[in-house]
C-alpha atoms as a PDB file:
ATOM      1  CA  MET A   1      52.087 -23.289-100.685  1.00  0.00           C
ATOM      2  CA  ALA A   2      54.515 -21.988 -98.137  1.00  0.00           C
ATOM      3  CA  SER A   3      54.082 -18.455 -96.854  1.00  0.00           C
ATOM      4  CA  MET A   4      56.357 -15.948 -98.451  1.00  0.00           C
ATOM      5  CA  THR A   5      56.032 -13.491 -95.530  1.00  0.00           C
ATOM      6  CA  PRO A   6      59.421 -12.564 -94.152  1.00  0.00           C
ATOM      7  CA  VAL A   7      60.183 -13.763 -90.652  1.00  0.00           C
ATOM      8  CA  SER A   8      60.764 -10.223 -89.472  1.00  0.00           C
ATOM      9  CA  GLN A   9      57.200  -9.221 -90.443  1.00  0.00           C
ATOM     10  CA  SER A  10      55.701 -12.284 -88.798  1.00  0.00           C
ATOM     11  CA  GLN A  11      57.537 -11.501 -85.624  1.00  0.00           C
ATOM     12  CA  SER A  12      56.223  -7.929 -85.601  1.00  0.00           C
ATOM     13  CA  VAL A  13      52.650  -9.198 -85.819  1.00  0.00           C
ATOM     14  CA  LEU A  14      53.171 -11.582 -82.968  1.00  0.00           C
ATOM     15  CA  ASP A  15      54.619  -8.761 -80.916  1.00  0.00           C
ATOM     16  CA  LYS A  16      51.228  -6.948 -80.940  1.00  0.00           C
ATOM     17  CA  PRO A  17      49.413  -7.056 -77.609  1.00  0.00           C
ATOM     18  CA  GLN A  18      46.463  -9.134 -78.792  1.00  0.00           C
ATOM     19  CA  PHE A  19      48.746 -11.935 -79.762  1.00  0.00           C
ATOM     20  CA  LYS A  20      50.919 -11.966 -76.653  1.00  0.00           C
ATOM     21  CA  SER A  21      50.498 -14.699 -74.098  1.00  0.00           C
ATOM     22  CA  PRO A  22      48.500 -13.553 -71.124  1.00  0.00           C
ATOM     23  CA  ALA A  23      50.458 -12.625 -68.050  1.00  0.00           C
ATOM     24  CA  PRO A  24      49.970 -14.911 -65.105  1.00  0.00           C
ATOM     25  CA  HIS A  25      47.264 -13.780 -62.593  1.00  0.00           C
ATOM     26  CA  ALA A  26      48.529 -11.719 -59.694  1.00  0.00           C
ATOM     27  CA  SER A  27      48.768 -13.747 -56.586  1.00  0.00           C
ATOM     28  CA  PHE A  28      46.674 -12.551 -53.540  1.00  0.00           C
ATOM     29  CA  PRO A  29      46.846 -14.068 -50.132  1.00  0.00           C
ATOM     30  CA  PRO A  30      43.626 -15.904 -49.226  1.00  0.00           C
ATOM     31  CA  ILE A  31      41.182 -13.927 -46.982  1.00  0.00           C
ATOM     32  CA  SER A  32      38.773 -15.596 -44.642  1.00  0.00           C
ATOM     33  CA  LEU A  33      35.270 -14.110 -44.520  1.00  0.00           C
ATOM     34  CA  ARG A  34      35.535 -14.378 -40.777  1.00  0.00           C
ATOM     35  CA  SER A  35      38.842 -12.595 -40.463  1.00  0.00           C
ATOM     36  CA  PRO A  36      38.940  -9.281 -38.549  1.00  0.00           C
ATOM     37  CA  SER A  37      40.479  -7.476 -41.515  1.00  0.00           C
ATOM     38  CA  PHE A  38      37.610  -8.513 -43.806  1.00  0.00           C
ATOM     39  CA  ARG A  39      34.985  -7.444 -41.314  1.00  0.00           C
ATOM     40  CA  PHE A  40      36.749  -4.106 -40.789  1.00  0.00           C
ATOM     41  CA  ARG A  41      36.846  -3.331 -44.507  1.00  0.00           C
ATOM     42  CA  ALA A  42      33.207  -4.366 -44.955  1.00  0.00           C
ATOM     43  CA  LEU A  43      32.061  -2.191 -42.069  1.00  0.00           C
ATOM     44  CA  ARG A  44      34.152   0.681 -43.326  1.00  0.00           C
ATOM     45  CA  ARG A  45      32.468   0.524 -46.734  1.00  0.00           C
ATOM     46  CA  HIS A  46      29.068   0.877 -45.015  1.00  0.00           C
ATOM     47  CA  GLY A  47      30.171   3.840 -42.909  1.00  0.00           C
ATOM     48  CA  SER A  48      30.013   1.985 -39.602  1.00  0.00           C
ATOM     49  CA  VAL A  49      33.596   2.655 -38.588  1.00  0.00           C
ATOM     50  CA  PRO A  50      35.688   5.814 -38.776  1.00  0.00           C
ATOM     51  CA  ALA A  51      37.798   6.404 -41.859  1.00  0.00           C
ATOM     52  CA  ARG A  52      41.371   7.611 -41.596  1.00  0.00           C
ATOM     53  CA  ARG A  53      42.306  10.534 -43.784  1.00  0.00           C
ATOM     54  CA  GLY A  54      45.519  12.450 -43.453  1.00  0.00           C
ATOM     55  CA  GLY A  55      46.185  10.796 -40.146  1.00  0.00           C
ATOM     56  CA  VAL A  56      42.860  11.990 -38.732  1.00  0.00           C
ATOM     57  CA  LEU A  57      39.952   9.720 -37.939  1.00  0.00           C
ATOM     58  CA  GLU A  58      36.669  10.897 -39.459  1.00  0.00           C
ATOM     59  CA  MET A  59      33.530   9.664 -37.743  1.00  0.00           C
ATOM     60  CA  ALA A  60      30.593   8.542 -39.862  1.00  0.00           C
ATOM     61  CA  PRO A  61      27.428  10.608 -39.381  1.00  0.00           C
ATOM     62  CA  LYS A  62      25.111   9.270 -36.722  1.00  0.00           C
ATOM     63  CA  SER A  63      21.466   8.549 -37.346  1.00  0.00           C
ATOM     64  CA  VAL A  64      19.124  11.218 -35.962  1.00  0.00           C
ATOM     65  CA  VAL A  65      16.305   9.920 -33.792  1.00  0.00           C
ATOM     66  CA  VAL A  66      13.334  12.264 -33.346  1.00  0.00           C
ATOM     67  CA  SER A  67      11.551  11.887 -30.070  1.00  0.00           C
ATOM     68  CA  ALA A  68       7.823  11.324 -30.265  1.00  0.00           C
ATOM     69  CA  THR A  69       7.388  14.171 -27.798  1.00  0.00           C
ATOM     70  CA  THR A  70       8.624  16.645 -30.423  1.00  0.00           C
ATOM     71  CA  ALA A  71       5.896  15.666 -32.888  1.00  0.00           C
ATOM     72  CA  GLU A  72       3.166  18.213 -33.557  1.00  0.00           C
ATOM     73  CA  LYS A  73       0.237  17.994 -31.171  1.00  0.00           C
ATOM     74  CA  PRO A  74      -3.119  16.909 -32.642  1.00  0.00           C
ATOM     75  CA  LYS A  75      -5.278  19.788 -33.859  1.00  0.00           C
ATOM     76  CA  LYS A  76      -8.052  20.755 -31.458  1.00  0.00           C
ATOM     77  CA  ARG A  77     -11.467  19.745 -32.741  1.00  0.00           C
ATOM     78  CA  TYR A  78     -14.480  21.930 -31.980  1.00  0.00           C
ATOM     79  CA  PRO A  79     -17.923  20.423 -31.309  1.00  0.00           C
ATOM     80  CA  GLY A  80     -19.702  19.969 -34.630  1.00  0.00           C
ATOM     81  CA  GLU A  81     -16.648  20.965 -36.698  1.00  0.00           C
ATOM     82  CA  ALA A  82     -16.585  17.722 -38.678  1.00  0.00           C
ATOM     83  CA  LYS A  83     -20.066  18.448 -40.070  1.00  0.00           C
ATOM     84  CA  GLY A  84     -19.391  22.051 -41.075  1.00  0.00           C
ATOM     85  CA  PHE A  85     -19.433  25.437 -39.392  1.00  0.00           C
ATOM     86  CA  VAL A  86     -23.229  25.669 -39.191  1.00  0.00           C
ATOM     87  CA  GLU A  87     -23.157  22.678 -36.866  1.00  0.00           C
ATOM     88  CA  GLU A  88     -20.666  24.539 -34.673  1.00  0.00           C
ATOM     89  CA  MET A  89     -23.059  27.508 -34.503  1.00  0.00           C
ATOM     90  CA  ARG A  90     -25.992  25.237 -33.747  1.00  0.00           C
ATOM     91  CA  PHE A  91     -24.085  23.526 -30.937  1.00  0.00           C
ATOM     92  CA  VAL A  92     -23.234  26.836 -29.245  1.00  0.00           C
ATOM     93  CA  ALA A  93     -26.799  28.111 -29.671  1.00  0.00           C
ATOM     94  CA  MET A  94     -28.306  24.976 -28.132  1.00  0.00           C
ATOM     95  CA  LYS A  95     -26.143  25.425 -25.045  1.00  0.00           C
ATOM     96  CA  LEU A  96     -27.844  28.790 -24.485  1.00  0.00           C
ATOM     97  CA  HIS A  97     -31.308  27.223 -24.392  1.00  0.00           C
ATOM     98  CA  THR A  98     -32.932  25.978 -21.227  1.00  0.00           C
ATOM     99  CA  ARG A  99     -33.373  22.252 -20.758  1.00  0.00           C
ATOM    100  CA  ASP A 100     -37.105  22.482 -21.371  1.00  0.00           C
ATOM    101  CA  GLN A 101     -36.351  24.136 -24.741  1.00  0.00           C
ATOM    102  CA  ALA A 102     -33.618  21.750 -25.929  1.00  0.00           C
ATOM    103  CA  LYS A 103     -31.976  18.613 -24.568  1.00  0.00           C
ATOM    104  CA  GLU A 104     -28.537  20.224 -24.981  1.00  0.00           C
ATOM    105  CA  GLY A 105     -29.687  23.313 -23.049  1.00  0.00           C
ATOM    106  CA  GLU A 106     -27.633  24.468 -20.075  1.00  0.00           C
ATOM    107  CA  LYS A 107     -29.339  27.735 -19.072  1.00  0.00           C
ATOM    108  CA  GLU A 108     -31.627  27.982 -16.083  1.00  0.00           C
ATOM    109  CA  PRO A 109     -35.247  28.873 -16.951  1.00  0.00           C
ATOM    110  CA  GLN A 110     -36.106  32.554 -16.572  1.00  0.00           C
ATOM    111  CA  GLY A 111     -39.744  33.473 -16.215  1.00  0.00           C
ATOM    112  CA  GLN A 112     -42.730  31.385 -17.169  1.00  0.00           C
ATOM    113  CA  PRO A 113     -42.626  28.773 -19.927  1.00  0.00           C
ATOM    114  CA  VAL A 114     -44.382  29.748 -23.163  1.00  0.00           C
ATOM    115  CA  ALA A 115     -47.322  27.456 -22.396  1.00  0.00           C
ATOM    116  CA  LYS A 116     -48.201  29.652 -19.412  1.00  0.00           C
ATOM    117  CA  TRP A 117     -47.790  33.006 -21.140  1.00  0.00           C
ATOM    118  CA  GLU A 118     -50.666  35.473 -21.076  1.00  0.00           C
ATOM    119  CA  PRO A 119     -49.971  37.605 -24.165  1.00  0.00           C
ATOM    120  CA  SER A 120     -51.916  40.694 -25.211  1.00  0.00           C
ATOM    121  CA  ILE A 121     -52.707  42.070 -28.658  1.00  0.00           C
ATOM    122  CA  ASP A 122     -50.856  45.300 -27.901  1.00  0.00           C
ATOM    123  CA  GLY A 123     -47.772  43.447 -26.692  1.00  0.00           C
ATOM    124  CA  TYR A 124     -47.847  41.114 -29.675  1.00  0.00           C
ATOM    125  CA  LEU A 125     -48.080  44.066 -32.058  1.00  0.00           C
ATOM    126  CA  ARG A 126     -45.026  45.650 -30.432  1.00  0.00           C
ATOM    127  CA  PHE A 127     -43.183  42.367 -30.927  1.00  0.00           C
ATOM    128  CA  LEU A 128     -44.187  42.170 -34.604  1.00  0.00           C
ATOM    129  CA  VAL A 129     -43.273  45.811 -35.306  1.00  0.00           C
ATOM    130  CA  ASP A 130     -39.829  45.501 -33.697  1.00  0.00           C
ATOM    131  CA  SER A 131     -39.258  42.175 -35.439  1.00  0.00           C
ATOM    132  CA  LYS A 132     -40.070  43.784 -38.783  1.00  0.00           C
ATOM    133  CA  LEU A 133     -37.513  46.522 -38.146  1.00  0.00           C
ATOM    134  CA  VAL A 134     -34.833  43.891 -37.489  1.00  0.00           C
ATOM    135  CA  TYR A 135     -35.727  41.887 -40.610  1.00  0.00           C
ATOM    136  CA  ASP A 136     -35.827  45.074 -42.702  1.00  0.00           C
ATOM    137  CA  THR A 137     -32.325  45.807 -41.437  1.00  0.00           C
ATOM    138  CA  LEU A 138     -31.007  42.308 -42.190  1.00  0.00           C
ATOM    139  CA  GLU A 139     -32.419  42.303 -45.699  1.00  0.00           C
ATOM    140  CA  GLY A 140     -31.067  45.782 -46.376  1.00  0.00           C
ATOM    141  CA  ILE A 141     -27.591  44.759 -45.216  1.00  0.00           C
ATOM    142  CA  VAL A 142     -27.359  41.747 -47.527  1.00  0.00           C
ATOM    143  CA  GLN A 143     -28.668  43.792 -50.442  1.00  0.00           C
ATOM    144  CA  LYS A 144     -26.099  46.528 -49.870  1.00  0.00           C
ATOM    145  CA  ALA A 145     -23.374  43.904 -49.237  1.00  0.00           C
ATOM    146  CA  ALA A 146     -20.571  45.841 -47.568  1.00  0.00           C
ATOM    147  CA  PHE A 147     -18.724  42.512 -47.802  1.00  0.00           C
ATOM    148  CA  ASP A 148     -19.008  40.241 -50.831  1.00  0.00           C
ATOM    149  CA  SER A 149     -20.040  37.260 -48.705  1.00  0.00           C
ATOM    150  CA  TYR A 150     -23.314  38.992 -47.757  1.00  0.00           C
ATOM    151  CA  SER A 151     -24.566  38.750 -51.332  1.00  0.00           C
ATOM    152  CA  GLU A 152     -24.731  34.961 -50.920  1.00  0.00           C
ATOM    153  CA  PHE A 153     -27.757  35.468 -48.663  1.00  0.00           C
ATOM    154  CA  ARG A 154     -30.019  37.435 -50.961  1.00  0.00           C
ATOM    155  CA  ASN A 155     -33.384  35.947 -51.881  1.00  0.00           C
ATOM    156  CA  THR A 156     -32.981  32.835 -49.755  1.00  0.00           C
ATOM    157  CA  GLY A 157     -36.709  32.381 -49.247  1.00  0.00           C
ATOM    158  CA  LEU A 158     -36.311  32.943 -45.501  1.00  0.00           C
ATOM    159  CA  GLU A 159     -36.974  36.707 -45.733  1.00  0.00           C
ATOM    160  CA  ARG A 160     -39.715  37.911 -43.381  1.00  0.00           C
ATOM    161  CA  SER A 161     -40.209  41.634 -44.043  1.00  0.00           C
ATOM    162  CA  GLU A 162     -42.846  41.267 -46.731  1.00  0.00           C
ATOM    163  CA  LYS A 163     -44.736  38.688 -44.670  1.00  0.00           C
ATOM    164  CA  LEU A 164     -44.754  40.963 -41.628  1.00  0.00           C
ATOM    165  CA  THR A 165     -46.024  43.867 -43.728  1.00  0.00           C
ATOM    166  CA  LYS A 166     -49.053  41.766 -44.677  1.00  0.00           C
ATOM    167  CA  ASP A 167     -49.677  40.772 -41.056  1.00  0.00           C
ATOM    168  CA  LEU A 168     -49.543  44.348 -39.802  1.00  0.00           C
ATOM    169  CA  GLU A 169     -51.957  45.377 -42.550  1.00  0.00           C
ATOM    170  CA  TRP A 170     -54.341  42.670 -41.376  1.00  0.00           C
ATOM    171  CA  PHE A 171     -54.189  43.914 -37.782  1.00  0.00           C
ATOM    172  CA  LYS A 172     -54.854  47.445 -39.013  1.00  0.00           C
ATOM    173  CA  GLU A 173     -57.907  46.217 -40.904  1.00  0.00           C
ATOM    174  CA  GLN A 174     -59.147  44.686 -37.645  1.00  0.00           C
ATOM    175  CA  GLY A 175     -59.110  48.154 -36.088  1.00  0.00           C
ATOM    176  CA  HIS A 176     -55.823  47.932 -34.183  1.00  0.00           C
ATOM    177  CA  THR A 177     -53.348  50.801 -34.038  1.00  0.00           C
ATOM    178  CA  ILE A 178     -49.896  49.867 -35.266  1.00  0.00           C
ATOM    179  CA  PRO A 179     -47.245  51.243 -32.871  1.00  0.00           C
ATOM    180  CA  GLU A 180     -43.871  52.729 -33.732  1.00  0.00           C
ATOM    181  CA  PRO A 181     -40.770  50.572 -33.188  1.00  0.00           C
ATOM    182  CA  SER A 182     -39.683  50.519 -29.551  1.00  0.00           C
ATOM    183  CA  SER A 183     -36.298  50.537 -27.842  1.00  0.00           C
ATOM    184  CA  PRO A 184     -35.464  46.798 -28.133  1.00  0.00           C
ATOM    185  CA  GLY A 185     -35.993  46.735 -31.902  1.00  0.00           C
ATOM    186  CA  VAL A 186     -34.296  50.075 -32.567  1.00  0.00           C
ATOM    187  CA  THR A 187     -31.290  49.132 -30.429  1.00  0.00           C
ATOM    188  CA  TYR A 188     -30.829  45.787 -32.166  1.00  0.00           C
ATOM    189  CA  ALA A 189     -31.235  47.243 -35.660  1.00  0.00           C
ATOM    190  CA  LEU A 190     -28.596  49.902 -34.990  1.00  0.00           C
ATOM    191  CA  TYR A 191     -26.225  47.304 -33.572  1.00  0.00           C
ATOM    192  CA  LEU A 192     -26.619  45.101 -36.656  1.00  0.00           C
ATOM    193  CA  GLU A 193     -25.948  48.040 -38.980  1.00  0.00           C
ATOM    194  CA  GLU A 194     -22.735  48.963 -37.185  1.00  0.00           C
ATOM    195  CA  LEU A 195     -21.565  45.370 -36.803  1.00  0.00           C
ATOM    196  CA  SER A 196     -22.136  44.522 -40.462  1.00  0.00           C
ATOM    197  CA  GLU A 197     -19.788  47.320 -41.535  1.00  0.00           C
ATOM    198  CA  LYS A 198     -16.801  46.156 -39.493  1.00  0.00           C
ATOM    199  CA  ASP A 199     -17.135  42.479 -38.535  1.00  0.00           C
ATOM    200  CA  PRO A 200     -18.729  40.156 -41.114  1.00  0.00           C
ATOM    201  CA  GLN A 201     -18.125  37.019 -39.035  1.00  0.00           C
ATOM    202  CA  ALA A 202     -19.981  38.431 -36.026  1.00  0.00           C
ATOM    203  CA  PHE A 203     -22.795  39.689 -38.265  1.00  0.00           C
ATOM    204  CA  ILE A 204     -23.242  36.246 -39.840  1.00  0.00           C
ATOM    205  CA  CYS A 205     -23.782  34.852 -36.343  1.00  0.00           C
ATOM    206  CA  HIS A 206     -26.813  37.130 -35.894  1.00  0.00           C
ATOM    207  CA  PHE A 207     -28.068  36.372 -39.396  1.00  0.00           C
ATOM    208  CA  TYR A 208     -27.989  32.645 -38.691  1.00  0.00           C
ATOM    209  CA  ASN A 209     -29.563  32.784 -35.245  1.00  0.00           C
ATOM    210  CA  ILE A 210     -32.380  35.168 -36.184  1.00  0.00           C
ATOM    211  CA  TYR A 211     -33.588  33.223 -39.211  1.00  0.00           C
ATOM    212  CA  PHE A 212     -33.035  29.716 -37.892  1.00  0.00           C
ATOM    213  CA  ALA A 213     -34.472  30.434 -34.441  1.00  0.00           C
ATOM    214  CA  HIS A 214     -37.634  31.831 -36.007  1.00  0.00           C
ATOM    215  CA  SER A 215     -38.040  28.703 -38.148  1.00  0.00           C
ATOM    216  CA  ALA A 216     -37.966  26.521 -35.014  1.00  0.00           C
ATOM    217  CA  GLY A 217     -38.830  28.008 -31.619  1.00  0.00           C
ATOM    218  CA  GLY A 218     -40.370  31.083 -33.218  1.00  0.00           C
ATOM    219  CA  ARG A 219     -43.008  29.015 -34.977  1.00  0.00           C
ATOM    220  CA  MET A 220     -43.898  27.252 -31.747  1.00  0.00           C
ATOM    221  CA  ILE A 221     -44.310  30.578 -29.936  1.00  0.00           C
ATOM    222  CA  GLY A 222     -46.434  31.952 -32.772  1.00  0.00           C
ATOM    223  CA  LYS A 223     -48.731  28.947 -32.569  1.00  0.00           C
ATOM    224  CA  LYS A 224     -49.188  29.289 -28.799  1.00  0.00           C
ATOM    225  CA  VAL A 225     -49.915  33.016 -29.051  1.00  0.00           C
ATOM    226  CA  ALA A 226     -52.399  32.464 -31.890  1.00  0.00           C
ATOM    227  CA  GLU A 227     -54.265  29.914 -29.786  1.00  0.00           C
ATOM    228  CA  LYS A 228     -54.675  32.410 -26.947  1.00  0.00           C
ATOM    229  CA  ILE A 229     -55.421  35.738 -28.638  1.00  0.00           C
ATOM    230  CA  LEU A 230     -55.988  35.216 -32.396  1.00  0.00           C
ATOM    231  CA  ASP A 231     -58.497  32.380 -32.456  1.00  0.00           C
ATOM    232  CA  LYS A 232     -55.717  30.144 -33.867  1.00  0.00           C
ATOM    233  CA  LYS A 233     -55.167  32.338 -36.929  1.00  0.00           C
ATOM    234  CA  GLU A 234     -51.815  31.562 -38.550  1.00  0.00           C
ATOM    235  CA  LEU A 235     -49.994  34.740 -39.495  1.00  0.00           C
ATOM    236  CA  GLU A 236     -47.956  35.142 -42.682  1.00  0.00           C
ATOM    237  CA  PHE A 237     -44.905  35.604 -40.450  1.00  0.00           C
ATOM    238  CA  TYR A 238     -44.973  31.845 -39.879  1.00  0.00           C
ATOM    239  CA  LYS A 239     -45.437  30.792 -43.501  1.00  0.00           C
ATOM    240  CA  TRP A 240     -42.814  30.201 -46.188  1.00  0.00           C
ATOM    241  CA  ASP A 241     -43.070  29.913 -49.951  1.00  0.00           C
ATOM    242  CA  GLY A 242     -41.634  26.492 -50.670  1.00  0.00           C
ATOM    243  CA  GLU A 243     -40.442  23.643 -48.486  1.00  0.00           C
ATOM    244  CA  LEU A 244     -38.960  25.189 -45.346  1.00  0.00           C
ATOM    245  CA  SER A 245     -36.555  22.306 -44.717  1.00  0.00           C
ATOM    246  CA  GLN A 246     -35.052  22.741 -48.188  1.00  0.00           C
ATOM    247  CA  LEU A 247     -34.798  26.522 -47.818  1.00  0.00           C
ATOM    248  CA  LEU A 248     -32.929  26.045 -44.549  1.00  0.00           C
ATOM    249  CA  GLN A 249     -30.626  23.449 -46.086  1.00  0.00           C
ATOM    250  CA  ASN A 250     -29.773  25.789 -48.946  1.00  0.00           C
ATOM    251  CA  VAL A 251     -28.780  28.505 -46.477  1.00  0.00           C
ATOM    252  CA  ARG A 252     -26.779  26.025 -44.384  1.00  0.00           C
ATOM    253  CA  GLU A 253     -24.730  25.144 -47.441  1.00  0.00           C
ATOM    254  CA  LYS A 254     -24.124  28.817 -48.219  1.00  0.00           C
ATOM    255  CA  LEU A 255     -23.067  29.509 -44.632  1.00  0.00           C
ATOM    256  CA  ASN A 256     -20.670  26.563 -44.624  1.00  0.00           C
ATOM    257  CA  LYS A 257     -19.215  27.677 -47.941  1.00  0.00           C
ATOM    258  CA  VAL A 258     -18.601  31.229 -46.703  1.00  0.00           C
ATOM    259  CA  ALA A 259     -17.055  29.984 -43.440  1.00  0.00           C
ATOM    260  CA  GLU A 260     -14.573  27.789 -45.328  1.00  0.00           C
ATOM    261  CA  GLY A 261     -12.628  30.949 -46.097  1.00  0.00           C
ATOM    262  CA  TRP A 262     -12.409  31.995 -42.432  1.00  0.00           C
ATOM    263  CA  THR A 263      -9.518  31.430 -40.068  1.00  0.00           C
ATOM    264  CA  ARG A 264     -10.104  29.599 -36.804  1.00  0.00           C
ATOM    265  CA  GLU A 265      -9.878  32.930 -35.001  1.00  0.00           C
ATOM    266  CA  GLU A 266     -12.622  34.401 -37.210  1.00  0.00           C
ATOM    267  CA  LYS A 267     -14.835  31.379 -36.639  1.00  0.00           C
ATOM    268  CA  ASN A 268     -14.401  31.690 -32.891  1.00  0.00           C
ATOM    269  CA  ARG A 269     -15.302  35.372 -33.050  1.00  0.00           C
ATOM    270  CA  CYS A 270     -18.519  34.417 -34.818  1.00  0.00           C
ATOM    271  CA  LEU A 271     -19.357  31.819 -32.170  1.00  0.00           C
ATOM    272  CA  GLU A 272     -18.634  34.260 -29.356  1.00  0.00           C
ATOM    273  CA  GLU A 273     -21.319  36.598 -30.721  1.00  0.00           C
ATOM    274  CA  THR A 274     -24.073  34.023 -30.103  1.00  0.00           C
ATOM    275  CA  GLU A 275     -24.863  35.197 -26.586  1.00  0.00           C
ATOM    276  CA  LYS A 276     -25.401  38.781 -27.756  1.00  0.00           C
ATOM    277  CA  SER A 277     -27.730  37.534 -30.463  1.00  0.00           C
ATOM    278  CA  PHE A 278     -29.806  35.709 -27.863  1.00  0.00           C
ATOM    279  CA  LYS A 279     -29.913  38.751 -25.600  1.00  0.00           C
ATOM    280  CA  TYR A 280     -31.132  41.173 -28.278  1.00  0.00           C
ATOM    281  CA  SER A 281     -33.688  38.709 -29.656  1.00  0.00           C
ATOM    282  CA  GLY A 282     -34.879  37.893 -26.136  1.00  0.00           C
ATOM    283  CA  ASP A 283     -35.521  41.564 -25.394  1.00  0.00           C
ATOM    284  CA  ILE A 284     -37.782  41.770 -28.450  1.00  0.00           C
ATOM    285  CA  LEU A 285     -39.535  38.492 -27.664  1.00  0.00           C
ATOM    286  CA  ARG A 286     -40.468  39.670 -24.172  1.00  0.00           C
ATOM    287  CA  LEU A 287     -42.482  42.499 -25.722  1.00  0.00           C
ATOM    288  CA  ILE A 288     -45.231  39.914 -26.261  1.00  0.00           C
ATOM    289  CA  LEU A 289     -45.875  39.986 -22.526  1.00  0.00           C
ATOM    290  CA  SER A 290     -45.715  43.781 -22.192  1.00  0.00           C
END
C-alpha cells in the first residue's frame, strides 16, 4: 500500500541532520614524517623548542643536574659503633691498657707488672675499704636515680657492696684492724656523686668501667694477691651469684638501650670520661702496694 505521508512531511524528515549526506572530508596537504615542519611541531609538543606566545619566545625549562660533589658526605663511623655503644666504650677502654694487659693497649707500662707485685695485708685492706666506699656510692646513686635511666641498673647482680662487707668481716675475725676510707676512695666517691647529678652520660662511663673492669682484670689481680698473702683464699669480692657472663650480657643490653636515646655529642662526652675513670680507679688499685 502506498504511503499516505505528504511529501512536505517526508522532506522535513530528510532535512534532519542524521539523514543528510555526509559532507566530503576536508582536504589536508600531505606531510612527510621527515619534513622540517613535522619535526618542529613534534619537538615543540615535547617542550624541546621554545614556544611563541604574544610574539615572545618562551624557553622550555632546562633539566637540573645535581653534581655528585653536592651530595651529603657519608656519616662518620666510630670504632665499635655497629655493634652498639658498649662496644664503643670497650674499644676506648682497651686503648688505655698497656700492651701486656690487652692486645689493643697503647699505654706504656708504669711500674711493675702484677705478677711481680709484693702486696701487704694492710695495703690490701685499704684497697678493699676504698673500693667498698666507691661501690656503696654507685649503688646508692642508681637507687636514688636522679635520672630515670639510672633505675635500669638496679639489682643487676654485679653489685659488690654486700660481698665486700662479708670480706671485711672475715678480715676482722682474723684479728686485722679495718681502716677508715682514705683519700683516693673518698675523692672518687665525691666525684661520682657530683657527676651523677649533672651529667648522666659521663656517670654511665664510670659505672661501666668500674663493674666491667672488676669482672676481668680485677679478678686476675685478686687471684694473684690471694696467692701471695691469703694462702689462695678466694674472697667474696670475686664471686657472683649466677653466671657472670650472663649478668654482664644483661647489663650490656641495658647500657646499649639507654645509649640509643643519646645524641652523638652525648655519646662522645661519655667516651671522653674514660680516662678519668681509669685514673681514679688506678689510684685506689695502687693502695694494694702501700
